[in-house]
Amino acid sequence: MQTQEAIILILFLAAAGYIAWRFWKSFDKRNTGGCAKGCGCAEDKAATFKLK
């Protein structure tokens, strides 16, 4: 029984950590771009567009 509880606790903590990480990334200003993904792809396209 304790093994099952430990597995559930580990899965719960992993899920809570993932949700907290996604929440933090949504407010992180370092990776702001033009798209919702936050990958900075819009900045790359803007830089390429300005060079032409």
N, C-alpha and C. Protein backbone atom coordinates (compact mmCIF):
# COMPACT_ATOMS: atom_id res chain seq x y z
N MET A 1 0.82 -1.19 0.00
CA MET A 1 0.00 0.00 0.00
C MET A 1 0.86 1.26 0.00
N GLN A 2 1.97 1.24 0.73
CA GLN A 2 2.82 2.43 0.77
C GLN A 2 3.49 2.69 -0.57
N THR A 3 3.75 1.65 -1.33
CA THR A 3 4.35 1.83 -2.65
C THR A 3 3.40 2.57 -3.57
N GLN A 4 2.12 2.21 -3.54
CA GLN A 4 1.13 2.88 -4.37
C GLN A 4 0.99 4.35 -3.98
N GLU A 5 1.01 4.63 -2.70
CA GLU A 5 0.91 6.01 -2.24
C GLU A 5 2.14 6.82 -2.65
N ALA A 6 3.30 6.21 -2.62
CA ALA A 6 4.52 6.90 -3.03
C ALA A 6 4.48 7.22 -4.53
N ILE A 7 3.99 6.27 -5.33
CA ILE A 7 3.87 6.50 -6.77
C ILE A 7 2.89 7.62 -7.06
N ILE A 8 1.76 7.62 -6.38
CA ILE A 8 0.76 8.68 -6.57
C ILE A 8 1.33 10.03 -6.15
N LEU A 9 2.05 10.07 -5.04
CA LEU A 9 2.66 11.32 -4.57
C LEU A 9 3.67 11.85 -5.57
N ILE A 10 4.50 10.97 -6.12
CA ILE A 10 5.48 11.38 -7.12
C ILE A 10 4.80 11.91 -8.37
N LEU A 11 3.76 11.22 -8.84
CA LEU A 11 3.04 11.70 -10.02
C LEU A 11 2.36 13.03 -9.75
N PHE A 12 1.78 13.19 -8.57
CA PHE A 12 1.13 14.45 -8.22
C PHE A 12 2.13 15.59 -8.18
N LEU A 13 3.28 15.36 -7.56
CA LEU A 13 4.30 16.41 -7.48
C LEU A 13 4.86 16.76 -8.86
N ALA A 14 5.00 15.76 -9.71
CA ALA A 14 5.47 16.03 -11.08
C ALA A 14 4.45 16.87 -11.84
N ALA A 15 3.17 16.54 -11.71
CA ALA A 15 2.12 17.30 -12.39
C ALA A 15 2.03 18.72 -11.84
N ALA A 16 2.12 18.87 -10.53
CA ALA A 16 2.07 20.20 -9.92
C ALA A 16 3.29 21.02 -10.35
N GLY A 17 4.44 20.40 -10.43
CA GLY A 17 5.63 21.10 -10.90
C GLY A 17 5.52 21.54 -12.34
N TYR A 18 4.94 20.69 -13.18
CA TYR A 18 4.75 21.05 -14.58
C TYR A 18 3.79 22.22 -14.72
N ILE A 19 2.70 22.21 -13.96
CA ILE A 19 1.74 23.32 -14.01
C ILE A 19 2.38 24.61 -13.52
N ALA A 20 3.17 24.52 -12.44
CA ALA A 20 3.85 25.71 -11.92
C ALA A 20 4.85 26.24 -12.94
N TRP A 21 5.57 25.35 -13.61
CA TRP A 21 6.53 25.77 -14.63
C TRP A 21 5.84 26.47 -15.79
N ARG A 22 4.71 25.92 -16.27
CA ARG A 22 3.97 26.55 -17.36
C ARG A 22 3.40 27.90 -16.93
N PHE A 23 2.96 28.00 -15.69
CA PHE A 23 2.44 29.26 -15.15
C PHE A 23 3.57 30.29 -15.12
N TRP A 24 4.75 29.89 -14.66
CA TRP A 24 5.88 30.80 -14.60
C TRP A 24 6.29 31.25 -16.00
N LYS A 25 6.32 30.34 -16.95
CA LYS A 25 6.71 30.68 -18.32
C LYS A 25 5.72 31.65 -18.97
N SER A 26 4.46 31.62 -18.56
CA SER A 26 3.48 32.53 -19.15
C SER A 26 3.73 33.97 -18.72
N PHE A 27 4.40 34.18 -17.58
CA PHE A 27 4.70 35.53 -17.11
C PHE A 27 6.17 35.90 -17.28
N ASP A 28 6.97 35.02 -17.82
CA ASP A 28 8.38 35.28 -18.02
C ASP A 28 8.57 36.26 -19.16
N LYS A 29 9.21 37.38 -18.92
CA LYS A 29 9.35 38.43 -19.93
C LYS A 29 10.58 38.24 -20.82
N ARG A 30 11.46 37.33 -20.48
CA ARG A 30 12.67 37.16 -21.28
C ARG A 30 12.39 36.59 -22.65
N ASN A 31 11.41 35.74 -22.78
CA ASN A 31 11.15 35.06 -24.05
C ASN A 31 9.92 35.60 -24.73
N THR A 32 9.67 36.88 -24.65
CA THR A 32 8.48 37.42 -25.29
C THR A 32 8.71 37.53 -26.79
N GLY A 33 7.76 37.12 -27.52
CA GLY A 33 7.79 37.19 -28.96
C GLY A 33 6.42 37.61 -29.45
N GLY A 34 6.23 37.57 -30.73
CA GLY A 34 4.95 37.97 -31.28
C GLY A 34 3.90 36.88 -31.24
N CYS A 35 4.33 35.66 -31.02
CA CYS A 35 3.38 34.57 -31.00
C CYS A 35 3.15 34.10 -29.56
N ALA A 36 2.13 33.31 -29.36
CA ALA A 36 1.76 32.88 -28.02
C ALA A 36 2.69 31.81 -27.47
N LYS A 37 3.49 31.19 -28.33
CA LYS A 37 4.36 30.11 -27.88
C LYS A 37 5.52 30.62 -27.04
N GLY A 38 5.93 31.87 -27.23
CA GLY A 38 7.04 32.42 -26.48
C GLY A 38 8.40 31.93 -26.96
N CYS A 39 8.46 31.46 -28.19
CA CYS A 39 9.72 30.94 -28.70
C CYS A 39 10.58 32.03 -29.32
N GLY A 40 10.03 33.22 -29.51
CA GLY A 40 10.79 34.30 -30.10
C GLY A 40 10.83 34.26 -31.61
N CYS A 41 9.99 33.46 -32.23
CA CYS A 41 10.03 33.32 -33.68
C CYS A 41 9.64 34.62 -34.38
N ALA A 42 8.79 35.43 -33.79
CA ALA A 42 8.40 36.69 -34.41
C ALA A 42 9.56 37.67 -34.43
N GLU A 43 10.41 37.64 -33.39
CA GLU A 43 11.59 38.50 -33.37
C GLU A 43 12.56 38.11 -34.47
N ASP A 44 12.71 36.80 -34.73
CA ASP A 44 13.58 36.34 -35.80
C ASP A 44 13.06 36.81 -37.15
N LYS A 45 11.76 36.73 -37.35
CA LYS A 45 11.17 37.16 -38.62
C LYS A 45 11.28 38.66 -38.77
N ALA A 46 11.13 39.42 -37.69
CA ALA A 46 11.24 40.88 -37.75
C ALA A 46 12.67 41.28 -38.09
N ALA A 47 13.65 40.61 -37.52
CA ALA A 47 15.05 40.91 -37.82
C ALA A 47 15.38 40.58 -39.27
N THR A 48 14.86 39.50 -39.77
CA THR A 48 15.09 39.11 -41.16
C THR A 48 14.42 40.10 -42.10
N PHE A 49 13.24 40.54 -41.74
CA PHE A 49 12.50 41.48 -42.58
C PHE A 49 13.22 42.83 -42.66
N LYS A 50 13.82 43.27 -41.57
CA LYS A 50 14.52 44.56 -41.55
C LYS A 50 15.79 44.52 -42.36
N LEU A 51 16.41 43.35 -42.49
CA LEU A 51 17.65 43.25 -43.25
C LEU A 51 17.42 43.33 -44.74
N LYS A 52 16.24 42.99 -45.20
CA LYS A 52 15.97 42.98 -46.64
C LYS A 52 15.74 44.33 -47.20
